[in-house]
Amino acid sequence: MEVSVGKVTSKGQVTIPKEIRETLGVNEGDKLIFLVEGDKVVLRKVGSEKLSDILSRRRPWGERGLEFQRRLREEWRSG
């Protein structure tokens, strides 16, 4: 298991360490999914996965399903 440490900025941003980006094949402009599992966050690179597949597996914190879907679709379009 690879371990690296990042730091959260005042804007809530975290830099993904170079070793992790290389291992995952993450490049500028790639989309990532953050999955919360208990007290852990799993970071996954979005490949050719359909938005509907992602939505069917996970439900966001504090957002109703339809609100989450609208927000996620807008993020996909603008990114």
PDB file of N, CA and C in Angstrom:
ATOM      1  N   MET A   1       0.854  -1.181   0.000  1.00  0.00           N
ATOM      2  CA  MET A   1       0.000   0.000   0.000  1.00  0.00           C
ATOM      3  C   MET A   1       0.892   1.234   0.000  1.00  0.00           C
ATOM      4  N   GLU A   2       0.578   2.166  -0.874  1.00  0.00           N
ATOM      5  CA  GLU A   2       1.338   3.407  -0.981  1.00  0.00           C
ATOM      6  C   GLU A   2       0.745   4.432  -0.027  1.00  0.00           C
ATOM      7  N   VAL A   3       1.598   5.156   0.676  1.00  0.00           N
ATOM      8  CA  VAL A   3       1.143   6.162   1.638  1.00  0.00           C
ATOM      9  C   VAL A   3       1.832   7.482   1.338  1.00  0.00           C
ATOM     10  N   SER A   4       1.068   8.549   1.248  1.00  0.00           N
ATOM     11  CA  SER A   4       1.585   9.897   1.078  1.00  0.00           C
ATOM     12  C   SER A   4       0.730  10.832   1.910  1.00  0.00           C
ATOM     13  N   VAL A   5       1.267  12.001   2.206  1.00  0.00           N
ATOM     14  CA  VAL A   5       0.547  12.974   3.031  1.00  0.00           C
ATOM     15  C   VAL A   5       0.308  14.238   2.210  1.00  0.00           C
ATOM     16  N   GLY A   6      -0.897  14.771   2.289  1.00  0.00           N
ATOM     17  CA  GLY A   6      -1.241  16.036   1.654  1.00  0.00           C
ATOM     18  C   GLY A   6      -1.713  17.001   2.718  1.00  0.00           C
ATOM     19  N   LYS A   7      -1.847  18.251   2.343  1.00  0.00           N
ATOM     20  CA  LYS A   7      -2.274  19.280   3.290  1.00  0.00           C
ATOM     21  C   LYS A   7      -3.473  20.016   2.702  1.00  0.00           C
ATOM     22  N   VAL A   8      -4.452  20.318   3.531  1.00  0.00           N
ATOM     23  CA  VAL A   8      -5.649  21.030   3.099  1.00  0.00           C
ATOM     24  C   VAL A   8      -5.374  22.530   3.171  1.00  0.00           C
ATOM     25  N   THR A   9      -5.691  23.248   2.079  1.00  0.00           N
ATOM     26  CA  THR A   9      -5.513  24.697   2.058  1.00  0.00           C
ATOM     27  C   THR A   9      -6.713  25.382   2.706  1.00  0.00           C
ATOM     28  N   SER A  10      -6.633  26.695   2.846  1.00  0.00           N
ATOM     29  CA  SER A  10      -7.742  27.458   3.429  1.00  0.00           C
ATOM     30  C   SER A  10      -9.003  27.384   2.569  1.00  0.00           C
ATOM     31  N   LYS A  11      -8.842  27.030   1.298  1.00  0.00           N
ATOM     32  CA  LYS A  11      -9.988  26.890   0.383  1.00  0.00           C
ATOM     33  C   LYS A  11     -10.501  25.461   0.324  1.00  0.00           C
ATOM     34  N   GLY A  12      -9.951  24.572   1.155  1.00  0.00           N
ATOM     35  CA  GLY A  12     -10.404  23.182   1.175  1.00  0.00           C
ATOM     36  C   GLY A  12      -9.802  22.337   0.075  1.00  0.00           C
ATOM     37  N   GLN A  13      -8.767  22.824  -0.574  1.00  0.00           N
ATOM     38  CA  GLN A  13      -8.138  22.076  -1.660  1.00  0.00           C
ATOM     39  C   GLN A  13      -6.994  21.232  -1.122  1.00  0.00           C
ATOM     40  N   VAL A  14      -6.793  20.087  -1.752  1.00  0.00           N
ATOM     41  CA  VAL A  14      -5.708  19.186  -1.382  1.00  0.00           C
ATOM     42  C   VAL A  14      -4.940  18.843  -2.651  1.00  0.00           C
ATOM     43  N   THR A  15      -3.621  18.916  -2.576  1.00  0.00           N
ATOM     44  CA  THR A  15      -2.798  18.487  -3.697  1.00  0.00           C
ATOM     45  C   THR A  15      -2.586  16.989  -3.584  1.00  0.00           C
ATOM     46  N   ILE A  16      -2.861  16.282  -4.662  1.00  0.00           N
ATOM     47  CA  ILE A  16      -2.619  14.841  -4.675  1.00  0.00           C
ATOM     48  C   ILE A  16      -1.129  14.645  -4.935  1.00  0.00           C
ATOM     49  N   PRO A  17      -0.444  13.965  -4.038  1.00  0.00           N
ATOM     50  CA  PRO A  17       1.000  13.775  -4.220  1.00  0.00           C
ATOM     51  C   PRO A  17       1.329  13.138  -5.575  1.00  0.00           C
ATOM     52  N   LYS A  18       2.462  13.530  -6.125  1.00  0.00           N
ATOM     53  CA  LYS A  18       2.889  13.084  -7.447  1.00  0.00           C
ATOM     54  C   LYS A  18       2.874  11.566  -7.577  1.00  0.00           C
ATOM     55  N   GLU A  19       3.373  10.864  -6.556  1.00  0.00           N
ATOM     56  CA  GLU A  19       3.430   9.398  -6.616  1.00  0.00           C
ATOM     57  C   GLU A  19       2.039   8.792  -6.786  1.00  0.00           C
ATOM     58  N   ILE A  20       1.069   9.374  -6.099  1.00  0.00           N
ATOM     59  CA  ILE A  20      -0.315   8.879  -6.172  1.00  0.00           C
ATOM     60  C   ILE A  20      -0.892   9.182  -7.551  1.00  0.00           C
ATOM     61  N   ARG A  21      -0.680  10.410  -8.053  1.00  0.00           N
ATOM     62  CA  ARG A  21      -1.170  10.768  -9.390  1.00  0.00           C
ATOM     63  C   ARG A  21      -0.600   9.830 -10.446  1.00  0.00           C
ATOM     64  N   GLU A  22       0.685   9.538 -10.328  1.00  0.00           N
ATOM     65  CA  GLU A  22       1.313   8.640 -11.308  1.00  0.00           C
ATOM     66  C   GLU A  22       0.754   7.223 -11.205  1.00  0.00           C
ATOM     67  N   THR A  23       0.565   6.744  -9.984  1.00  0.00           N
ATOM     68  CA  THR A  23       0.024   5.401  -9.782  1.00  0.00           C
ATOM     69  C   THR A  23      -1.379   5.272 -10.370  1.00  0.00           C
ATOM     70  N   LEU A  24      -2.202   6.296 -10.179  1.00  0.00           N
ATOM     71  CA  LEU A  24      -3.579   6.277 -10.673  1.00  0.00           C
ATOM     72  C   LEU A  24      -3.695   6.736 -12.127  1.00  0.00           C
ATOM     73  N   GLY A  25      -2.636   7.314 -12.660  1.00  0.00           N
ATOM     74  CA  GLY A  25      -2.705   7.854 -14.018  1.00  0.00           C
ATOM     75  C   GLY A  25      -3.569   9.094 -14.093  1.00  0.00           C
ATOM     76  N   VAL A  26      -3.543   9.904 -13.033  1.00  0.00           N
ATOM     77  CA  VAL A  26      -4.358  11.118 -12.960  1.00  0.00           C
ATOM     78  C   VAL A  26      -3.582  12.280 -13.577  1.00  0.00           C
ATOM     79  N   ASN A  27      -4.234  12.968 -14.505  1.00  0.00           N
ATOM     80  CA  ASN A  27      -3.630  14.117 -15.171  1.00  0.00           C
ATOM     81  C   ASN A  27      -4.533  15.334 -15.029  1.00  0.00           C
ATOM     82  N   GLU A  28      -3.982  16.505 -15.338  1.00  0.00           N
ATOM     83  CA  GLU A  28      -4.749  17.743 -15.271  1.00  0.00           C
ATOM     84  C   GLU A  28      -6.033  17.608 -16.078  1.00  0.00           C
ATOM     85  N   GLY A  29      -7.146  18.016 -15.472  1.00  0.00           N
ATOM     86  CA  GLY A  29      -8.441  17.968 -16.145  1.00  0.00           C
ATOM     87  C   GLY A  29      -9.216  16.683 -15.938  1.00  0.00           C
ATOM     88  N   ASP A  30      -8.570  15.646 -15.393  1.00  0.00           N
ATOM     89  CA  ASP A  30      -9.283  14.398 -15.122  1.00  0.00           C
ATOM     90  C   ASP A  30     -10.324  14.607 -14.039  1.00  0.00           C
ATOM     91  N   LYS A  31     -11.389  13.851 -14.112  1.00  0.00           N
ATOM     92  CA  LYS A  31     -12.429  13.910 -13.080  1.00  0.00           C
ATOM     93  C   LYS A  31     -12.200  12.785 -12.088  1.00  0.00           C
ATOM     94  N   LEU A  32     -12.459  13.090 -10.820  1.00  0.00           N
ATOM     95  CA  LEU A  32     -12.272  12.125  -9.743  1.00  0.00           C
ATOM     96  C   LEU A  32     -13.560  11.995  -8.948  1.00  0.00           C
ATOM     97  N   ILE A  33     -13.754  10.832  -8.373  1.00  0.00           N
ATOM     98  CA  ILE A  33     -14.902  10.581  -7.505  1.00  0.00           C
ATOM     99  C   ILE A  33     -14.373  10.380  -6.096  1.00  0.00           C
ATOM    100  N   PHE A  34     -15.020  11.022  -5.114  1.00  0.00           N
ATOM    101  CA  PHE A  34     -14.681  10.843  -3.712  1.00  0.00           C
ATOM    102  C   PHE A  34     -15.784  10.004  -3.075  1.00  0.00           C
ATOM    103  N   LEU A  35     -15.455   8.816  -2.624  1.00  0.00           N
ATOM    104  CA  LEU A  35     -16.418   7.922  -1.988  1.00  0.00           C
ATOM    105  C   LEU A  35     -16.124   7.869  -0.499  1.00  0.00           C
ATOM    106  N   VAL A  36     -17.122   8.122   0.317  1.00  0.00           N
ATOM    107  CA  VAL A  36     -16.951   8.068   1.761  1.00  0.00           C
ATOM    108  C   VAL A  36     -17.376   6.694   2.238  1.00  0.00           C
ATOM    109  N   GLU A  37     -16.455   6.010   2.921  1.00  0.00           N
ATOM    110  CA  GLU A  37     -16.715   4.681   3.467  1.00  0.00           C
ATOM    111  C   GLU A  37     -16.325   4.697   4.940  1.00  0.00           C
ATOM    112  N   GLY A  38     -17.316   4.932   5.785  1.00  0.00           N
ATOM    113  CA  GLY A  38     -17.035   5.042   7.213  1.00  0.00           C
ATOM    114  C   GLY A  38     -16.210   6.281   7.479  1.00  0.00           C
ATOM    115  N   ASP A  39     -15.019   6.086   8.054  1.00  0.00           N
ATOM    116  CA  ASP A  39     -14.147   7.223   8.348  1.00  0.00           C
ATOM    117  C   ASP A  39     -13.044   7.381   7.297  1.00  0.00           C
ATOM    118  N   LYS A  40     -13.222   6.735   6.128  1.00  0.00           N
ATOM    119  CA  LYS A  40     -12.237   6.803   5.049  1.00  0.00           C
ATOM    120  C   LYS A  40     -12.851   7.440   3.810  1.00  0.00           C
ATOM    121  N   VAL A  41     -11.989   8.028   2.990  1.00  0.00           N
ATOM    122  CA  VAL A  41     -12.406   8.530   1.691  1.00  0.00           C
ATOM    123  C   VAL A  41     -11.618   7.771   0.647  1.00  0.00           C
ATOM    124  N   VAL A  42     -12.322   7.232  -0.331  1.00  0.00           N
ATOM    125  CA  VAL A  42     -11.694   6.516  -1.430  1.00  0.00           C
ATOM    126  C   VAL A  42     -11.748   7.428  -2.645  1.00  0.00           C
ATOM    127  N   LEU A  43     -10.625   7.620  -3.285  1.00  0.00           N
ATOM    128  CA  LEU A  43     -10.520   8.476  -4.455  1.00  0.00           C
ATOM    129  C   LEU A  43     -10.380   7.602  -5.685  1.00  0.00           C
ATOM    130  N   ARG A  44     -11.274   7.816  -6.667  1.00  0.00           N
ATOM    131  CA  ARG A  44     -11.225   7.028  -7.898  1.00  0.00           C
ATOM    132  C   ARG A  44     -11.217   7.940  -9.094  1.00  0.00           C
ATOM    133  N   LYS A  45     -10.468   7.575 -10.093  1.00  0.00           N
ATOM    134  CA  LYS A  45     -10.468   8.301 -11.352  1.00  0.00           C
ATOM    135  C   LYS A  45     -11.698   7.873 -12.142  1.00  0.00           C
ATOM    136  N   VAL A  46     -12.374   8.844 -12.730  1.00  0.00           N
ATOM    137  CA  VAL A  46     -13.541   8.545 -13.556  1.00  0.00           C
ATOM    138  C   VAL A  46     -13.049   8.202 -14.945  1.00  0.00           C
ATOM    139  N   GLY A  47     -13.412   7.034 -15.399  1.00  0.00           N
ATOM    140  CA  GLY A  47     -13.044   6.627 -16.749  1.00  0.00           C
ATOM    141  C   GLY A  47     -14.202   6.885 -17.680  1.00  0.00           C
ATOM    142  N   SER A  48     -14.621   5.866 -18.351  1.00  0.00           N
ATOM    143  CA  SER A  48     -15.737   5.985 -19.284  1.00  0.00           C
ATOM    144  C   SER A  48     -17.058   5.650 -18.599  1.00  0.00           C
ATOM    145  N   GLU A  49     -17.033   5.671 -17.286  1.00  0.00           N
ATOM    146  CA  GLU A  49     -18.212   5.329 -16.502  1.00  0.00           C
ATOM    147  C   GLU A  49     -19.353   6.318 -16.743  1.00  0.00           C
ATOM    148  N   LYS A  50     -20.564   5.802 -16.845  1.00  0.00           N
ATOM    149  CA  LYS A  50     -21.732   6.649 -17.043  1.00  0.00           C
ATOM    150  C   LYS A  50     -22.137   7.285 -15.724  1.00  0.00           C
ATOM    151  N   LEU A  51     -22.635   8.510 -15.812  1.00  0.00           N
ATOM    152  CA  LEU A  51     -23.122   9.221 -14.636  1.00  0.00           C
ATOM    153  C   LEU A  51     -24.221   8.424 -13.937  1.00  0.00           C
ATOM    154  N   SER A  52     -25.110   7.814 -14.698  1.00  0.00           N
ATOM    155  CA  SER A  52     -26.215   7.049 -14.097  1.00  0.00           C
ATOM    156  C   SER A  52     -25.696   5.868 -13.281  1.00  0.00           C
ATOM    157  N   ASP A  53     -24.586   5.253 -13.711  1.00  0.00           N
ATOM    158  CA  ASP A  53     -24.010   4.144 -12.950  1.00  0.00           C
ATOM    159  C   ASP A  53     -23.467   4.630 -11.612  1.00  0.00           C
ATOM    160  N   ILE A  54     -22.806   5.783 -11.625  1.00  0.00           N
ATOM    161  CA  ILE A  54     -22.265   6.349 -10.393  1.00  0.00           C
ATOM    162  C   ILE A  54     -23.396   6.683  -9.435  1.00  0.00           C
ATOM    163  N   LEU A  55     -24.434   7.324  -9.949  1.00  0.00           N
ATOM    164  CA  LEU A  55     -25.556   7.743  -9.103  1.00  0.00           C
ATOM    165  C   LEU A  55     -26.308   6.562  -8.516  1.00  0.00           C
ATOM    166  N   SER A  56     -26.372   5.477  -9.234  1.00  0.00           N
ATOM    167  CA  SER A  56     -27.127   4.330  -8.747  1.00  0.00           C
ATOM    168  C   SER A  56     -26.424   3.629  -7.581  1.00  0.00           C
ATOM    169  N   ARG A  57     -25.123   3.816  -7.446  1.00  0.00           N
ATOM    170  CA  ARG A  57     -24.371   3.141  -6.388  1.00  0.00           C
ATOM    171  C   ARG A  57     -24.227   3.952  -5.110  1.00  0.00           C
ATOM    172  N   ARG A  58     -24.196   5.261  -5.210  1.00  0.00           N
ATOM    173  CA  ARG A  58     -23.894   6.097  -4.050  1.00  0.00           C
ATOM    174  C   ARG A  58     -24.908   7.207  -3.885  1.00  0.00           C
ATOM    175  N   ARG A  59     -25.091   7.584  -2.633  1.00  0.00           N
ATOM    176  CA  ARG A  59     -25.956   8.715  -2.339  1.00  0.00           C
ATOM    177  C   ARG A  59     -25.134   9.736  -1.567  1.00  0.00           C
ATOM    178  N   PRO A  60     -25.244  11.004  -1.924  1.00  0.00           N
ATOM    179  CA  PRO A  60     -24.431  12.042  -1.280  1.00  0.00           C
ATOM    180  C   PRO A  60     -24.916  12.377   0.122  1.00  0.00           C
ATOM    181  N   TRP A  61     -24.024  12.935   0.905  1.00  0.00           N
ATOM    182  CA  TRP A  61     -24.381  13.425   2.247  1.00  0.00           C
ATOM    183  C   TRP A  61     -25.191  14.691   2.134  1.00  0.00           C
ATOM    184  N   GLY A  62     -26.265  14.772   2.875  1.00  0.00           N
ATOM    185  CA  GLY A  62     -27.002  16.013   3.023  1.00  0.00           C
ATOM    186  C   GLY A  62     -27.693  16.553   1.781  1.00  0.00           C
ATOM    187  N   GLU A  63     -27.736  15.813   0.726  1.00  0.00           N
ATOM    188  CA  GLU A  63     -28.412  16.272  -0.485  1.00  0.00           C
ATOM    189  C   GLU A  63     -29.445  15.233  -0.879  1.00  0.00           C
ATOM    190  N   ARG A  64     -30.589  15.716  -1.330  1.00  0.00           N
ATOM    191  CA  ARG A  64     -31.568  14.780  -1.868  1.00  0.00           C
ATOM    192  C   ARG A  64     -31.069  14.311  -3.220  1.00  0.00           C
ATOM    193  N   GLY A  65     -31.492  13.159  -3.637  1.00  0.00           N
ATOM    194  CA  GLY A  65     -31.018  12.538  -4.865  1.00  0.00           C
ATOM    195  C   GLY A  65     -31.106  13.418  -6.096  1.00  0.00           C
ATOM    196  N   LEU A  66     -32.247  14.082  -6.288  1.00  0.00           N
ATOM    197  CA  LEU A  66     -32.429  14.901  -7.477  1.00  0.00           C
ATOM    198  C   LEU A  66     -31.501  16.112  -7.475  1.00  0.00           C
ATOM    199  N   GLU A  67     -31.331  16.740  -6.306  1.00  0.00           N
ATOM    200  CA  GLU A  67     -30.409  17.878  -6.197  1.00  0.00           C
ATOM    201  C   GLU A  67     -28.985  17.441  -6.525  1.00  0.00           C
ATOM    202  N   PHE A  68     -28.596  16.294  -6.013  1.00  0.00           N
ATOM    203  CA  PHE A  68     -27.261  15.770  -6.270  1.00  0.00           C
ATOM    204  C   PHE A  68     -27.064  15.491  -7.756  1.00  0.00           C
ATOM    205  N   GLN A  69     -28.054  14.880  -8.382  1.00  0.00           N
ATOM    206  CA  GLN A  69     -27.957  14.570  -9.806  1.00  0.00           C
ATOM    207  C   GLN A  69     -27.795  15.836 -10.637  1.00  0.00           C
ATOM    208  N   ARG A  70     -28.588  16.863 -10.320  1.00  0.00           N
ATOM    209  CA  ARG A  70     -28.474  18.122 -11.061  1.00  0.00           C
ATOM    210  C   ARG A  70     -27.093  18.741 -10.884  1.00  0.00           C
ATOM    211  N   ARG A  71     -26.598  18.763  -9.654  1.00  0.00           N
ATOM    212  CA  ARG A  71     -25.285  19.345  -9.379  1.00  0.00           C
ATOM    213  C   ARG A  71     -24.191  18.567 -10.102  1.00  0.00           C
ATOM    214  N   LEU A  72     -24.261  17.255 -10.035  1.00  0.00           N
ATOM    215  CA  LEU A  72     -23.242  16.425 -10.663  1.00  0.00           C
ATOM    216  C   LEU A  72     -23.268  16.568 -12.186  1.00  0.00           C
ATOM    217  N   ARG A  73     -24.458  16.624 -12.767  1.00  0.00           N
ATOM    218  CA  ARG A  73     -24.547  16.822 -14.220  1.00  0.00           C
ATOM    219  C   ARG A  73     -23.932  18.154 -14.630  1.00  0.00           C
ATOM    220  N   GLU A  74     -24.194  19.201 -13.858  1.00  0.00           N
ATOM    221  CA  GLU A  74     -23.626  20.517 -14.160  1.00  0.00           C
ATOM    222  C   GLU A  74     -22.105  20.488 -14.055  1.00  0.00           C
ATOM    223  N   GLU A  75     -21.588  19.805 -13.045  1.00  0.00           N
ATOM    224  CA  GLU A  75     -20.135  19.686 -12.900  1.00  0.00           C
ATOM    225  C   GLU A  75     -19.544  18.944 -14.091  1.00  0.00           C
ATOM    226  N   TRP A  76     -20.212  17.904 -14.545  1.00  0.00           N
ATOM    227  CA  TRP A  76     -19.717  17.117 -15.686  1.00  0.00           C
ATOM    228  C   TRP A  76     -19.687  17.987 -16.947  1.00  0.00           C
ATOM    229  N   ARG A  77     -20.747  18.789 -17.148  1.00  0.00           N
ATOM    230  CA  ARG A  77     -20.820  19.639 -18.341  1.00  0.00           C
ATOM    231  C   ARG A  77     -19.752  20.735 -18.334  1.00  0.00           C
ATOM    232  N   SER A  78     -19.552  21.349 -17.158  1.00  0.00           N
ATOM    233  CA  SER A  78     -18.624  22.476 -17.084  1.00  0.00           C
ATOM    234  C   SER A  78     -17.170  22.056 -17.036  1.00  0.00           C
ATOM    235  N   GLY A  79     -16.916  20.794 -16.695  1.00  0.00           N
ATOM    236  CA  GLY A  79     -15.530  20.314 -16.559  1.00  0.00           C
ATOM    237  C   GLY A  79     -15.015  19.820 -17.817  1.00  0.00           C
TER     238      GLY A  79
END
